[in-house]
Protein backbone atom coordinates (compact mmCIF):
# COMPACT_ATOMS: atom_id res chain seq x y z
CA MET A 1 -45.59 0.88 4.64
CA VAL A 2 -47.62 3.45 6.60
CA ILE A 3 -45.68 5.80 8.85
CA LYS A 4 -47.91 6.66 11.80
CA ASP A 5 -45.81 9.38 13.34
CA VAL A 6 -43.84 12.09 11.60
CA ALA A 7 -40.30 12.67 12.80
CA GLN A 8 -39.44 16.19 13.90
CA PRO A 9 -36.46 17.91 12.28
CA GLY A 10 -33.25 16.30 13.54
CA GLN A 11 -35.15 13.22 14.77
CA ARG A 12 -35.83 9.85 13.21
CA SER A 13 -39.26 8.26 13.24
CA GLN A 14 -39.39 5.06 15.28
CA GLU A 15 -41.32 3.34 12.46
CA ALA A 16 -39.30 4.60 9.50
CA PRO A 17 -36.38 2.20 9.07
CA ARG A 18 -33.32 3.30 7.18
CA LEU A 19 -32.48 1.20 4.17
CA ALA A 20 -29.19 0.18 5.78
CA ASP A 21 -31.11 -1.19 8.77
CA GLU A 22 -33.37 -3.42 6.73
CA PRO A 23 -31.65 -5.53 4.08
CA LEU A 24 -34.04 -6.38 1.30
CA ALA A 25 -33.29 -10.06 1.85
CA GLN A 26 -35.54 -9.79 4.90
CA ASN A 27 -38.42 -8.83 2.60
CA GLY A 28 -38.35 -11.87 0.35
CA TYR A 29 -35.60 -10.93 -2.08
CA PRO A 30 -33.24 -13.80 -2.99
CA LYS A 31 -29.85 -14.06 -1.32
CA GLY A 32 -26.55 -15.34 -2.66
CA ALA A 33 -26.31 -13.60 -6.03
CA PRO A 34 -22.74 -13.77 -7.39
CA ILE A 35 -20.71 -10.63 -7.96
CA PRO A 36 -17.76 -10.54 -10.39
CA ASP A 37 -14.35 -9.24 -9.33
CA GLY A 38 -15.51 -8.87 -5.76
CA PHE A 39 -14.10 -7.23 -2.69
CA ASP A 40 -12.05 -10.21 -1.62
CA GLU A 41 -12.02 -12.87 -4.33
CA ASN A 42 -9.34 -15.54 -4.56
CA ASP A 43 -9.04 -18.08 -7.40
CA ASP A 44 -12.78 -17.95 -8.07
CA PRO A 45 -13.58 -14.69 -9.93
CA TYR A 46 -17.07 -14.73 -8.43
CA VAL A 47 -17.97 -14.41 -4.76
CA SER A 48 -21.39 -14.34 -3.20
CA LEU A 49 -22.87 -10.89 -2.79
CA PRO A 50 -23.61 -11.36 0.95
CA ALA A 51 -19.96 -12.29 1.54
CA TYR A 52 -18.83 -9.21 -0.38
CA VAL A 53 -21.04 -6.93 1.73
CA GLU A 54 -19.98 -8.59 4.98
CA ARG A 55 -16.29 -8.19 4.22
CA LEU A 56 -16.78 -4.56 3.20
CA ASP A 57 -18.67 -3.83 6.43
CA GLU A 58 -15.86 -5.43 8.45
CA ALA A 59 -13.20 -3.39 6.67
CA TRP A 60 -15.06 -0.12 7.24
CA ALA A 61 -15.68 -0.93 10.91
CA GLU A 62 -11.92 -1.26 11.34
CA ILE A 63 -11.38 2.10 9.63
CA VAL A 64 -13.84 3.73 12.04
CA ARG A 65 -12.28 2.04 15.07
CA LEU A 66 -8.89 3.48 14.14
CA GLY A 67 -10.26 6.93 13.25
CA LEU A 68 -9.03 6.77 9.65
CA GLU A 69 -12.20 7.90 7.90
CA ARG A 70 -10.47 10.93 6.36
CA GLN A 71 -7.59 8.84 5.03
CA ALA A 72 -9.99 6.25 3.61
CA THR A 73 -12.02 8.95 1.86
CA GLU A 74 -8.89 10.60 0.41
CA LEU A 75 -7.57 7.26 -0.80
CA GLN A 76 -10.84 6.48 -2.56
CA THR A 77 -11.35 10.03 -3.91
CA PHE A 78 -7.86 11.35 -4.77
CA GLY A 79 -6.00 8.05 -5.04
CA TYR A 80 -3.52 8.82 -2.24
CA THR A 81 -3.40 9.83 1.42
CA ALA A 82 -1.06 10.12 4.42
CA ILE A 83 -1.18 8.83 7.98
CA GLU A 84 0.29 11.12 10.65
CA PRO A 85 3.37 9.96 12.62
CA GLU A 86 1.63 10.10 15.99
CA ARG A 87 -0.86 7.46 14.84
CA LEU A 88 1.91 5.05 13.87
CA GLY A 89 4.17 5.06 16.89
CA PRO A 90 6.63 7.16 18.88
CA PRO A 91 9.55 8.97 17.19
CA GLU A 92 11.84 6.26 18.54
CA PHE A 93 10.06 3.71 16.34
CA THR A 94 10.73 5.71 13.17
CA GLN A 95 14.36 6.11 14.24
CA GLU A 96 14.62 2.36 14.76
CA ILE A 97 13.31 1.74 11.24
CA LEU A 98 15.70 4.34 9.78
CA ASP A 99 18.68 2.82 11.61
CA ALA A 100 17.76 -0.61 10.25
CA VAL A 101 17.49 0.72 6.68
CA LEU A 102 20.84 2.51 6.93
CA ASP A 103 22.42 -0.65 8.37
CA VAL A 104 21.21 -2.69 5.38
CA ALA A 105 22.69 -0.15 2.96
CA LYS A 106 26.02 -0.23 4.77
CA ARG A 107 26.19 -4.03 4.91
CA ARG A 108 24.95 -4.68 1.38
CA ARG A 109 26.42 -1.79 -0.60
CA GLY A 110 29.15 -0.49 1.68
CA ILE A 111 27.57 2.98 1.84
CA ASP A 112 27.50 4.87 5.13
CA TYR A 113 24.85 7.50 4.41
CA ASN A 114 25.10 10.91 6.00
CA LEU A 115 21.53 12.18 5.93
CA THR A 116 22.53 15.85 5.99
CA GLU A 117 25.40 15.63 3.51
CA GLY A 118 24.34 12.57 1.52
CA ALA A 119 26.90 10.38 -0.20
CA PRO A 120 28.84 12.65 -2.59
CA GLU A 121 30.98 9.77 -3.81
CA LEU A 122 27.87 8.42 -5.59
CA ASN A 123 27.84 10.95 -8.43
CA LEU A 124 25.17 9.05 -10.33
CA TYR A 125 23.02 11.70 -11.85
CA GLY A 126 22.86 14.63 -14.11
CA ARG A 127 20.21 17.32 -13.71
CA GLY A 128 16.89 16.93 -15.50
CA ALA A 129 14.73 14.01 -16.50
CA ASP A 130 17.27 11.47 -17.69
CA SER A 131 15.87 7.97 -17.99
CA GLN A 132 19.23 6.21 -17.67
CA ALA A 133 20.00 8.23 -14.56
CA ASN A 134 16.73 7.06 -13.08
CA VAL A 135 17.63 3.46 -13.85
CA LYS A 136 20.88 3.94 -11.95
CA HIS A 137 18.94 5.52 -9.12
CA ILE A 138 16.57 2.57 -8.81
CA LEU A 139 19.33 -0.02 -9.08
CA LEU A 140 22.06 1.61 -7.04
CA GLU A 141 20.15 3.54 -4.41
CA SER A 142 17.59 0.95 -3.45
CA ASP A 143 17.90 -2.19 -1.35
CA LYS A 144 15.41 -4.86 -2.41
CA HIS A 145 13.97 -7.79 -0.51
CA ILE A 146 14.98 -6.57 2.95
CA LEU A 147 12.01 -7.82 5.01
CA PHE A 148 14.09 -10.51 6.72
CA GLU A 149 17.06 -8.23 7.46
CA ASN A 150 15.73 -6.85 10.77
CA PRO A 151 12.82 -7.81 13.08
CA VAL A 152 11.59 -4.19 13.15
CA PHE A 153 10.50 -4.62 9.52
CA GLU A 154 7.98 -7.23 10.63
CA LYS A 155 6.28 -4.57 12.77
CA VAL A 156 6.20 -2.24 9.78
CA VAL A 157 4.44 -4.82 7.61
CA MET A 158 1.90 -5.57 10.36
CA ASN A 159 1.07 -1.97 11.29
CA GLU A 160 -2.69 -2.02 11.83
CA GLN A 161 -3.35 1.49 10.48
CA VAL A 162 -1.66 0.69 7.18
CA LEU A 163 -3.26 -2.75 6.94
CA SER A 164 -6.73 -1.35 7.58
CA LEU A 165 -6.48 0.92 4.52
CA VAL A 166 -4.91 -1.85 2.45
CA THR A 167 -7.76 -4.16 3.43
CA LEU A 168 -10.38 -1.58 2.53
CA LEU A 169 -9.08 -1.44 -1.05
CA LEU A 170 -7.81 -4.98 -1.61
CA GLY A 171 -9.67 -7.19 0.87
CA ARG A 172 -8.21 -9.55 3.46
CA SER A 173 -6.77 -11.69 0.70
CA ALA A 174 -4.11 -8.98 0.14
CA LEU A 175 -0.50 -10.15 -0.05
CA LEU A 176 2.82 -8.41 0.45
CA SER A 177 4.42 -8.15 -2.97
CA SER A 178 7.68 -6.27 -2.29
CA PHE A 179 9.52 -4.55 0.55
CA TYR A 180 12.43 -2.24 -0.21
CA SER A 181 14.23 0.96 0.81
CA LEU A 182 14.82 3.95 -1.44
CA PHE A 183 17.25 6.90 -1.26
CA ARG A 184 17.18 10.16 -3.25
CA HIS A 185 20.11 12.61 -3.23
CA SER A 186 20.19 16.35 -3.80
CA ASN A 187 21.11 15.77 -7.44
CA ALA A 188 18.43 13.14 -8.09
CA PRO A 189 16.66 13.83 -11.40
CA VAL A 190 12.98 14.16 -12.12
CA LEU A 191 11.13 10.87 -11.80
CA PRO A 192 8.37 11.20 -14.43
CA LEU A 193 4.78 10.16 -13.79
CA HIS A 194 4.03 6.46 -13.82
CA THR A 195 1.80 3.88 -12.15
CA ASP A 196 2.77 0.98 -9.92
CA VAL A 197 0.18 -1.27 -11.55
CA ASP A 198 1.80 -3.28 -14.35
CA ILE A 199 -1.14 -5.41 -15.51
CA SER A 200 -2.88 -4.47 -18.74
CA PRO A 201 -5.67 -3.67 -19.12
CA PHE A 202 -6.20 -2.18 -15.67
CA ARG A 203 -8.95 -3.78 -13.61
CA SER A 204 -12.02 -1.79 -12.60
CA TYR A 205 -11.15 -2.39 -8.94
CA PRO A 206 -7.89 -1.71 -7.01
CA THR A 207 -5.23 -4.37 -7.44
CA LEU A 208 -2.23 -2.76 -5.70
CA VAL A 209 -1.66 -0.40 -2.79
CA SER A 210 1.72 1.24 -2.25
CA ALA A 211 2.68 2.33 1.26
CA GLY A 212 5.81 4.42 1.84
CA TRP A 213 7.15 4.98 5.35
CA CYS A 214 8.80 8.42 5.24
CA LEU A 215 11.98 8.06 7.28
CA THR A 216 13.00 11.66 6.62
CA ASP A 217 10.85 14.73 6.01
CA PHE A 218 8.99 14.88 2.69
CA ARG A 219 8.58 18.65 2.44
CA GLY A 220 7.20 19.44 -0.98
CA VAL A 221 8.83 20.17 -4.30
CA ARG A 222 12.28 21.23 -3.11
CA ASP A 223 12.67 17.98 -1.18
CA GLY A 224 11.85 16.03 -4.31
CA ALA A 225 8.92 14.56 -2.41
CA THR A 226 6.63 12.08 -4.11
CA CYS A 227 3.93 13.84 -6.14
CA TYR A 228 0.51 12.63 -7.27
CA VAL A 229 -2.02 13.72 -9.87
CA PRO A 230 -5.31 13.53 -7.92
CA GLY A 231 -8.02 11.30 -9.29
CA THR A 232 -5.94 9.63 -11.99
CA HIS A 233 -6.55 6.19 -10.44
CA ARG A 234 -9.96 6.47 -12.12
CA TYR A 235 -8.39 6.68 -15.58
CA LEU A 236 -7.50 2.96 -15.36
CA ARG A 237 -4.45 3.38 -17.58
CA ARG A 238 -0.84 4.47 -17.54
CA PRO A 239 0.07 8.02 -18.56
CA THR A 240 1.19 8.38 -22.15
CA LYS A 241 4.82 9.24 -22.88
CA HIS A 242 3.76 12.85 -23.34
CA GLU A 243 1.70 12.88 -20.14
CA THR A 244 4.54 11.50 -18.02
CA TYR A 245 6.23 14.90 -18.27
CA VAL A 246 3.56 17.51 -18.99
CA GLY A 247 1.32 15.94 -16.36
CA MET A 248 3.85 16.87 -13.68
CA ALA A 249 2.43 20.40 -13.83
CA SER A 250 -0.82 19.08 -12.36
CA ALA A 251 0.85 16.91 -9.71
CA ARG A 252 0.86 17.75 -6.01
CA SER A 253 3.91 16.99 -3.88
CA VAL A 254 3.28 15.60 -0.42
CA ASN A 255 4.38 17.66 2.56
CA VAL A 256 4.64 15.44 5.62
CA PRO A 257 7.12 15.02 8.48
CA ALA A 258 9.35 12.01 9.05
CA GLY A 259 7.40 9.11 10.53
CA SER A 260 4.40 9.55 8.22
CA VAL A 261 3.16 6.85 5.87
CA VAL A 262 1.96 7.86 2.41
CA LEU A 263 -0.34 5.39 0.66
CA ASN A 264 -1.62 5.35 -2.90
CA ASN A 265 -3.77 3.25 -5.15
CA GLY A 266 -1.28 1.61 -7.51
CA ALA A 267 -3.17 3.05 -10.48
CA THR A 268 -2.63 6.66 -9.36
CA TRP A 269 -0.18 8.61 -11.52
CA HIS A 270 2.80 9.67 -9.43
CA GLY A 271 6.45 10.63 -9.68
CA ALA A 272 8.94 12.98 -8.03
CA PRO A 273 10.42 16.36 -8.98
CA ALA A 274 14.18 16.86 -9.01
CA ARG A 275 15.49 17.09 -5.47
CA GLU A 276 17.14 20.43 -4.69
CA ALA A 277 17.44 20.11 -0.90
CA GLU A 278 20.73 18.98 0.58
CA GLY A 279 21.14 15.55 2.09
CA VAL A 280 19.21 12.37 1.41
CA ARG A 281 15.51 11.55 1.29
CA VAL A 282 14.87 8.06 2.68
CA SER A 283 11.77 5.87 2.56
CA LEU A 284 10.80 2.28 3.22
CA ASN A 285 8.29 1.06 0.65
CA MET A 286 5.77 -1.76 0.56
CA PHE A 287 3.61 -3.01 -2.29
CA TYR A 288 0.47 -4.90 -1.31
CA ILE A 289 -1.48 -6.74 -4.01
CA LYS A 290 -4.75 -8.61 -4.32
CA GLY A 291 -4.47 -12.25 -3.36
CA ASN A 292 -5.09 -13.48 -6.90
CA LEU A 293 -1.97 -11.78 -8.32
CA PRO A 294 1.69 -12.93 -8.28
CA GLN A 295 4.11 -11.42 -5.77
CA GLN A 296 7.22 -9.61 -6.99
CA GLU A 297 9.38 -11.03 -4.19
CA GLY A 298 9.32 -14.66 -3.09
CA TYR A 299 9.16 -15.19 0.67
CA ILE A 300 8.11 -18.83 1.05
CA GLY A 301 11.03 -21.02 2.08
CA ARG A 302 13.31 -18.05 2.74
CA GLU A 303 11.98 -17.06 6.18
CA PRO A 304 14.48 -16.96 9.04
CA GLU A 305 13.85 -19.35 11.90
CA GLY A 306 11.14 -18.28 14.32
CA ILE A 307 9.67 -15.45 12.23
CA LEU A 308 6.32 -17.15 11.61
CA GLU A 309 5.99 -18.29 15.24
CA ARG A 310 6.45 -14.80 16.68
CA ASN A 311 3.92 -13.20 14.33
CA SER A 312 0.18 -13.59 13.78
CA PRO A 313 -1.41 -15.85 11.14
CA ARG A 314 -2.00 -12.79 8.97
CA PHE A 315 1.73 -12.21 8.70
CA ALA A 316 2.08 -15.73 7.29
CA HIS A 317 -0.77 -15.00 4.90
CA LEU A 318 0.85 -11.74 3.69
CA LEU A 319 3.95 -13.73 2.81
CA GLY A 320 1.84 -16.15 0.75
CA HIS A 321 1.38 -19.10 3.08
CA SER A 322 -2.37 -19.36 2.56
CA LEU A 323 -2.23 -19.51 -1.24
CA THR A 324 -3.73 -22.64 -2.72
CA ARG A 325 -2.19 -22.42 -6.17
CA GLY A 326 1.19 -22.19 -7.82
CA TYR A 327 4.62 -23.27 -6.67
CA GLY A 328 7.11 -21.84 -4.27
CA PRO A 329 10.92 -21.71 -4.44
CA GLY A 330 12.36 -25.13 -5.17
CA GLY A 331 9.18 -26.34 -6.85
CA TYR A 332 7.13 -27.42 -3.83
CA SER A 333 3.41 -26.81 -3.87
CA TYR A 334 1.70 -24.06 -1.89
CA GLU A 335 -0.72 -26.76 -0.69
CA GLN A 336 1.50 -27.14 2.39
CA ARG A 337 -0.58 -24.81 4.53
CA THR A 338 -2.27 -24.74 7.91
CA SER A 339 -6.03 -25.06 7.77
CA SER A 340 -6.50 -22.16 10.23
CA ILE A 341 -4.82 -19.69 7.87
CA GLU A 342 -6.76 -20.95 4.85
CA THR A 343 -10.05 -20.67 6.70
CA GLU A 344 -9.43 -17.10 7.85
CA TYR A 345 -8.07 -15.60 4.66
CA SER A 346 -9.77 -17.53 1.87
CA LEU A 347 -13.26 -16.57 0.83
């Protein structure tokens, strides 16, 4: 190609197309080559390359529309990021979520949490990294499967800022895998480094995104805030038993106000230091997974009346309604789907 005019510094020649403007398919190269483990595969491990590129372009366009380029870059580079509260809704929305989480704890476990004083009657822990204490923490200070407990949780799952970052990593086939609350007291022990991905070996592409809605401040080490070791999502493995503790020295604790959402690639090494601050640290946590993986919680057949009608088709998809394989609770087939959902979310 002959360029007839030379662009001045800071200008682009009218006859010098950028590569991104001129796909090579326009110049005689074949289209439709398959790509393994693609951006948005479902049952078929191969998707067409044009479809992969199209879905990736769509996901990035949504990131740009929402102004989340920095978060997307951090998530890809460091393995974790945070979205500021003002992007997610007014303070009243965070308070509504917190009230709903506290209500579930009171109804299910009979605990009326005082966020400044905690719940001293739950003397579960000893200081230090005690594995059995952490088991008690997970079992006794966490309420699982709470999505259907309050309508405000539906808004949390469908938050467009969170979903845009989830989609960038997992594709539109992403499913909701679990939805639970978590509390950490002033005597909560060290939570050693671990990953949220439990498949082995790890895939070369993201398979899980964790999103935690911080319902109280997460102010660094003293608060026992979640900590991450940057870049470890690229290791594609769990930390060794030795690394789970010594690696904490390289971890960085998040420092964000209540109302923020912290997201991480499920392969990123993370944990939490012992909490020294008074009161209780509260979060609402969501695991999103690729659409070809099994969900931790089962939603199909358990939905309260009207929940699917008042939400978009993507909400139904996140719960698993567009899957075309497997069996739901009670043994009925996932083939009982609406064609509109299958068309939109299957590749």
